[in-house]
Amino acid sequence: MVKITYIEYSGEKHLVDVEPGLTVMEGARNNNIPGIEADCGGACACSTCHVYISEDWVEKLPEKDPMEEDMLDFAYEPDSVRSRLTCQIKVTDQLDGLSVNMPERQI
């Protein structure tokens, strides 16, 4: 299992084990983490699973594909460097220790 920390806008932290092969969004959904709505169920058709990746993890993740870049335009206060859609991040053993921060709200 891979340990991922989900940090709510309020600062409350949730450290959970996520099975490799799932997405970071599925890890949040499966563990009832508030702040990641995932309205489209992971189809990259909305921006309701938007998070800010911790700065020390930005370079360790695969690059955003054009579809994710387009959907991030609809996210609440996107950051050109740190914003990601959790449905587009596959969990691998290399992501053990990943930390993501939720925005104030999802839109």
N, C-alpha and C. Protein backbone atom coordinates (compact mmCIF):
# COMPACT_ATOMS: atom_id res chain seq x y z
N MET A 1 0.83 -1.19 0.00
CA MET A 1 0.00 0.00 0.00
C MET A 1 0.87 1.25 0.00
N VAL A 2 0.33 2.30 -0.57
CA VAL A 2 1.04 3.57 -0.69
C VAL A 2 0.38 4.57 0.26
N LYS A 3 1.17 5.25 1.06
CA LYS A 3 0.64 6.23 1.99
C LYS A 3 0.55 7.59 1.30
N ILE A 4 -0.67 8.16 1.33
CA ILE A 4 -0.91 9.48 0.76
C ILE A 4 -1.58 10.33 1.83
N THR A 5 -1.14 11.58 1.94
CA THR A 5 -1.75 12.51 2.88
C THR A 5 -2.61 13.49 2.10
N TYR A 6 -3.88 13.53 2.45
CA TYR A 6 -4.84 14.48 1.88
C TYR A 6 -5.06 15.56 2.93
N ILE A 7 -4.84 16.82 2.56
CA ILE A 7 -4.95 17.91 3.52
C ILE A 7 -6.12 18.81 3.11
N GLU A 8 -7.11 18.88 3.98
CA GLU A 8 -8.27 19.73 3.72
C GLU A 8 -7.85 21.20 3.77
N TYR A 9 -8.67 22.06 3.20
CA TYR A 9 -8.39 23.49 3.20
C TYR A 9 -8.22 24.02 4.62
N SER A 10 -8.95 23.43 5.57
CA SER A 10 -8.88 23.84 6.97
C SER A 10 -7.56 23.44 7.63
N GLY A 11 -6.82 22.55 6.96
CA GLY A 11 -5.56 22.08 7.52
C GLY A 11 -5.64 20.67 8.09
N GLU A 12 -6.86 20.14 8.21
CA GLU A 12 -7.00 18.78 8.74
C GLU A 12 -6.38 17.78 7.78
N LYS A 13 -5.57 16.88 8.34
CA LYS A 13 -4.85 15.90 7.52
C LYS A 13 -5.46 14.52 7.63
N HIS A 14 -5.44 13.81 6.51
CA HIS A 14 -5.92 12.43 6.45
C HIS A 14 -4.83 11.59 5.80
N LEU A 15 -4.17 10.75 6.58
CA LEU A 15 -3.14 9.85 6.05
C LEU A 15 -3.81 8.51 5.78
N VAL A 16 -3.80 8.09 4.51
CA VAL A 16 -4.48 6.85 4.14
C VAL A 16 -3.57 5.96 3.31
N ASP A 17 -3.88 4.68 3.32
CA ASP A 17 -3.21 3.71 2.47
C ASP A 17 -4.03 3.55 1.20
N VAL A 18 -3.36 3.67 0.06
CA VAL A 18 -4.03 3.54 -1.23
C VAL A 18 -3.34 2.42 -2.01
N GLU A 19 -4.13 1.57 -2.59
CA GLU A 19 -3.60 0.45 -3.35
C GLU A 19 -3.01 0.92 -4.68
N PRO A 20 -1.80 0.48 -5.01
CA PRO A 20 -1.23 0.82 -6.32
C PRO A 20 -2.18 0.38 -7.44
N GLY A 21 -2.23 1.18 -8.48
CA GLY A 21 -3.12 0.91 -9.60
C GLY A 21 -4.37 1.76 -9.57
N LEU A 22 -4.77 2.20 -8.37
CA LEU A 22 -5.89 3.14 -8.26
C LEU A 22 -5.39 4.54 -8.60
N THR A 23 -6.30 5.49 -8.65
CA THR A 23 -5.89 6.89 -8.80
C THR A 23 -5.92 7.55 -7.43
N VAL A 24 -5.28 8.70 -7.34
CA VAL A 24 -5.30 9.46 -6.10
C VAL A 24 -6.75 9.84 -5.75
N MET A 25 -7.57 10.10 -6.77
CA MET A 25 -8.99 10.40 -6.55
C MET A 25 -9.72 9.20 -5.97
N GLU A 26 -9.47 8.01 -6.49
CA GLU A 26 -10.12 6.81 -5.96
C GLU A 26 -9.70 6.55 -4.51
N GLY A 27 -8.45 6.86 -4.20
CA GLY A 27 -7.99 6.73 -2.82
C GLY A 27 -8.77 7.63 -1.89
N ALA A 28 -9.04 8.86 -2.33
CA ALA A 28 -9.83 9.79 -1.52
C ALA A 28 -11.27 9.30 -1.40
N ARG A 29 -11.86 8.93 -2.52
CA ARG A 29 -13.26 8.48 -2.53
C ARG A 29 -13.44 7.23 -1.67
N ASN A 30 -12.54 6.27 -1.81
CA ASN A 30 -12.65 5.02 -1.06
C ASN A 30 -12.45 5.19 0.44
N ASN A 31 -11.84 6.31 0.82
CA ASN A 31 -11.58 6.56 2.24
C ASN A 31 -12.41 7.73 2.78
N ASN A 32 -13.44 8.13 2.02
CA ASN A 32 -14.37 9.19 2.45
C ASN A 32 -13.66 10.49 2.83
N ILE A 33 -12.68 10.87 2.04
CA ILE A 33 -11.95 12.11 2.29
C ILE A 33 -12.79 13.29 1.81
N PRO A 34 -13.13 14.22 2.68
CA PRO A 34 -13.90 15.39 2.24
C PRO A 34 -13.04 16.33 1.40
N GLY A 35 -13.68 17.01 0.45
CA GLY A 35 -12.97 18.01 -0.34
C GLY A 35 -12.64 17.57 -1.75
N ILE A 36 -12.78 16.29 -2.03
CA ILE A 36 -12.60 15.79 -3.40
C ILE A 36 -13.94 15.18 -3.81
N GLU A 37 -14.66 15.92 -4.65
CA GLU A 37 -16.02 15.51 -5.02
C GLU A 37 -16.05 14.48 -6.14
N ALA A 38 -15.19 14.64 -7.13
CA ALA A 38 -15.09 13.69 -8.25
C ALA A 38 -16.44 13.43 -8.92
N ASP A 39 -17.11 14.50 -9.31
CA ASP A 39 -18.45 14.40 -9.90
C ASP A 39 -18.50 13.53 -11.15
N CYS A 40 -17.45 13.51 -11.95
CA CYS A 40 -17.47 12.75 -13.20
C CYS A 40 -17.00 11.31 -13.01
N GLY A 41 -16.59 10.96 -11.81
CA GLY A 41 -16.17 9.60 -11.52
C GLY A 41 -14.80 9.23 -12.05
N GLY A 42 -14.04 10.21 -12.47
CA GLY A 42 -12.67 9.93 -12.91
C GLY A 42 -12.48 9.98 -14.41
N ALA A 43 -13.43 10.55 -15.13
CA ALA A 43 -13.36 10.59 -16.59
C ALA A 43 -12.63 11.83 -17.13
N CYS A 44 -12.08 12.64 -16.24
CA CYS A 44 -11.42 13.89 -16.63
C CYS A 44 -12.39 14.79 -17.40
N ALA A 45 -13.64 14.84 -16.91
CA ALA A 45 -14.68 15.63 -17.55
C ALA A 45 -15.19 16.74 -16.64
N CYS A 46 -14.52 16.95 -15.52
CA CYS A 46 -14.86 18.05 -14.62
C CYS A 46 -13.57 18.42 -13.88
N SER A 47 -13.68 19.31 -12.94
CA SER A 47 -12.47 19.69 -12.18
C SER A 47 -12.71 19.55 -10.68
N THR A 48 -13.65 18.68 -10.29
CA THR A 48 -14.03 18.59 -8.88
C THR A 48 -13.15 17.65 -8.06
N CYS A 49 -12.03 17.23 -8.63
CA CYS A 49 -11.05 16.46 -7.85
C CYS A 49 -9.71 17.19 -7.86
N HIS A 50 -9.79 18.50 -8.05
CA HIS A 50 -8.62 19.37 -8.12
C HIS A 50 -7.91 19.44 -6.76
N VAL A 51 -6.59 19.36 -6.79
CA VAL A 51 -5.76 19.55 -5.60
C VAL A 51 -4.51 20.33 -5.99
N TYR A 52 -3.79 20.77 -4.97
CA TYR A 52 -2.47 21.36 -5.14
C TYR A 52 -1.46 20.33 -4.66
N ILE A 53 -0.54 19.98 -5.51
CA ILE A 53 0.52 19.03 -5.17
C ILE A 53 1.58 19.76 -4.36
N SER A 54 2.07 19.12 -3.32
CA SER A 54 3.17 19.71 -2.55
C SER A 54 4.34 19.99 -3.48
N GLU A 55 4.99 21.11 -3.27
CA GLU A 55 6.06 21.55 -4.18
C GLU A 55 7.15 20.50 -4.39
N ASP A 56 7.46 19.74 -3.34
CA ASP A 56 8.54 18.76 -3.48
C ASP A 56 8.11 17.53 -4.29
N TRP A 57 6.83 17.46 -4.66
CA TRP A 57 6.34 16.33 -5.45
C TRP A 57 6.04 16.68 -6.91
N VAL A 58 6.00 17.95 -7.23
CA VAL A 58 5.61 18.38 -8.58
C VAL A 58 6.44 17.70 -9.66
N GLU A 59 7.73 17.68 -9.50
CA GLU A 59 8.62 17.11 -10.52
C GLU A 59 8.62 15.58 -10.54
N LYS A 60 8.10 14.97 -9.49
CA LYS A 60 8.11 13.51 -9.39
C LYS A 60 6.90 12.86 -10.08
N LEU A 61 5.91 13.67 -10.41
CA LEU A 61 4.70 13.15 -11.06
C LEU A 61 4.81 13.21 -12.57
N PRO A 62 4.08 12.33 -13.27
CA PRO A 62 4.05 12.45 -14.73
C PRO A 62 3.46 13.80 -15.13
N GLU A 63 3.86 14.29 -16.27
CA GLU A 63 3.35 15.58 -16.74
C GLU A 63 1.86 15.52 -17.01
N LYS A 64 1.21 16.68 -16.94
CA LYS A 64 -0.21 16.78 -17.26
C LYS A 64 -0.39 16.56 -18.76
N ASP A 65 -1.42 15.82 -19.13
CA ASP A 65 -1.71 15.71 -20.55
C ASP A 65 -2.62 16.87 -20.95
N PRO A 66 -2.81 17.11 -22.25
CA PRO A 66 -3.60 18.27 -22.70
C PRO A 66 -5.03 18.29 -22.15
N MET A 67 -5.67 17.12 -21.99
CA MET A 67 -7.04 17.09 -21.48
C MET A 67 -7.09 17.59 -20.03
N GLU A 68 -6.13 17.15 -19.23
CA GLU A 68 -6.08 17.61 -17.84
C GLU A 68 -5.82 19.11 -17.79
N GLU A 69 -4.90 19.59 -18.61
CA GLU A 69 -4.61 21.03 -18.67
C GLU A 69 -5.88 21.81 -18.98
N ASP A 70 -6.66 21.34 -19.95
CA ASP A 70 -7.91 22.02 -20.32
C ASP A 70 -8.90 22.04 -19.17
N MET A 71 -9.06 20.91 -18.48
CA MET A 71 -10.03 20.84 -17.39
C MET A 71 -9.60 21.70 -16.20
N LEU A 72 -8.31 21.85 -15.99
CA LEU A 72 -7.84 22.68 -14.88
C LEU A 72 -8.22 24.15 -15.06
N ASP A 73 -8.50 24.56 -16.30
CA ASP A 73 -8.97 25.93 -16.54
C ASP A 73 -10.29 26.19 -15.81
N PHE A 74 -11.04 25.13 -15.50
CA PHE A 74 -12.34 25.27 -14.85
C PHE A 74 -12.25 25.08 -13.33
N ALA A 75 -11.07 24.78 -12.83
CA ALA A 75 -10.89 24.55 -11.39
C ALA A 75 -10.92 25.86 -10.62
N TYR A 76 -11.18 25.75 -9.32
CA TYR A 76 -11.18 26.91 -8.45
C TYR A 76 -9.73 27.31 -8.15
N GLU A 77 -9.37 28.52 -8.52
CA GLU A 77 -8.05 29.09 -8.28
C GLU A 77 -6.90 28.13 -8.63
N PRO A 78 -6.82 27.73 -9.90
CA PRO A 78 -5.73 26.82 -10.29
C PRO A 78 -4.37 27.49 -10.20
N ASP A 79 -3.38 26.69 -9.91
CA ASP A 79 -1.99 27.12 -9.87
C ASP A 79 -1.31 26.44 -11.05
N SER A 80 -0.65 27.21 -11.88
CA SER A 80 -0.09 26.66 -13.12
C SER A 80 0.95 25.57 -12.88
N VAL A 81 1.56 25.54 -11.73
CA VAL A 81 2.58 24.54 -11.43
C VAL A 81 2.04 23.41 -10.55
N ARG A 82 1.32 23.76 -9.49
CA ARG A 82 0.95 22.76 -8.47
C ARG A 82 -0.42 22.12 -8.66
N SER A 83 -1.29 22.68 -9.46
CA SER A 83 -2.64 22.12 -9.62
C SER A 83 -2.63 20.85 -10.44
N ARG A 84 -3.37 19.87 -9.95
CA ARG A 84 -3.56 18.60 -10.66
C ARG A 84 -4.97 18.09 -10.41
N LEU A 85 -5.44 17.24 -11.31
CA LEU A 85 -6.69 16.52 -11.10
C LEU A 85 -6.31 15.14 -10.58
N THR A 86 -6.84 14.79 -9.43
CA THR A 86 -6.43 13.53 -8.80
C THR A 86 -6.88 12.30 -9.58
N CYS A 87 -7.87 12.46 -10.45
CA CYS A 87 -8.30 11.32 -11.27
C CYS A 87 -7.26 10.96 -12.32
N GLN A 88 -6.32 11.84 -12.55
CA GLN A 88 -5.31 11.63 -13.59
C GLN A 88 -3.96 11.18 -13.03
N ILE A 89 -3.90 10.94 -11.73
CA ILE A 89 -2.64 10.52 -11.11
C ILE A 89 -2.79 9.08 -10.64
N LYS A 90 -2.14 8.17 -11.36
CA LYS A 90 -2.14 6.75 -10.98
C LYS A 90 -1.20 6.54 -9.80
N VAL A 91 -1.68 5.79 -8.84
CA VAL A 91 -0.88 5.50 -7.65
C VAL A 91 0.11 4.37 -7.97
N THR A 92 1.38 4.66 -7.70
CA THR A 92 2.44 3.68 -7.85
C THR A 92 3.24 3.67 -6.55
N ASP A 93 4.08 2.68 -6.38
CA ASP A 93 4.92 2.62 -5.18
C ASP A 93 5.79 3.87 -5.05
N GLN A 94 6.13 4.50 -6.16
CA GLN A 94 6.98 5.69 -6.14
C GLN A 94 6.25 6.90 -5.54
N LEU A 95 4.93 6.82 -5.38
CA LEU A 95 4.18 7.94 -4.82
C LEU A 95 4.01 7.83 -3.31
N ASP A 96 4.64 6.84 -2.69
CA ASP A 96 4.54 6.70 -1.25
C ASP A 96 5.02 7.97 -0.57
N GLY A 97 4.16 8.57 0.25
CA GLY A 97 4.50 9.81 0.94
C GLY A 97 3.95 11.05 0.27
N LEU A 98 3.25 10.90 -0.86
CA LEU A 98 2.67 12.04 -1.57
C LEU A 98 1.73 12.80 -0.64
N SER A 99 1.75 14.12 -0.76
CA SER A 99 0.87 14.98 0.01
C SER A 99 0.16 15.92 -0.95
N VAL A 100 -1.17 16.01 -0.81
CA VAL A 100 -1.97 16.90 -1.66
C VAL A 100 -2.85 17.79 -0.79
N ASN A 101 -3.01 19.04 -1.22
CA ASN A 101 -3.84 20.00 -0.50
C ASN A 101 -5.07 20.32 -1.32
N MET A 102 -6.23 20.29 -0.65
CA MET A 102 -7.48 20.62 -1.32
C MET A 102 -7.66 22.14 -1.39
N PRO A 103 -8.28 22.62 -2.45
CA PRO A 103 -8.59 24.04 -2.52
C PRO A 103 -9.73 24.38 -1.56
N GLU A 104 -10.01 25.66 -1.42
CA GLU A 104 -11.08 26.10 -0.53
C GLU A 104 -12.42 25.46 -0.92
N ARG A 105 -12.62 25.30 -2.21
CA ARG A 105 -13.85 24.64 -2.70
C ARG A 105 -13.61 24.09 -4.08
N GLN A 106 -14.51 23.23 -4.53
CA GLN A 106 -14.46 22.68 -5.88
C GLN A 106 -15.58 23.34 -6.67
N ILE A 107 -15.37 23.51 -7.98
CA ILE A 107 -16.44 24.06 -8.82
C ILE A 107 -16.62 23.21 -10.05
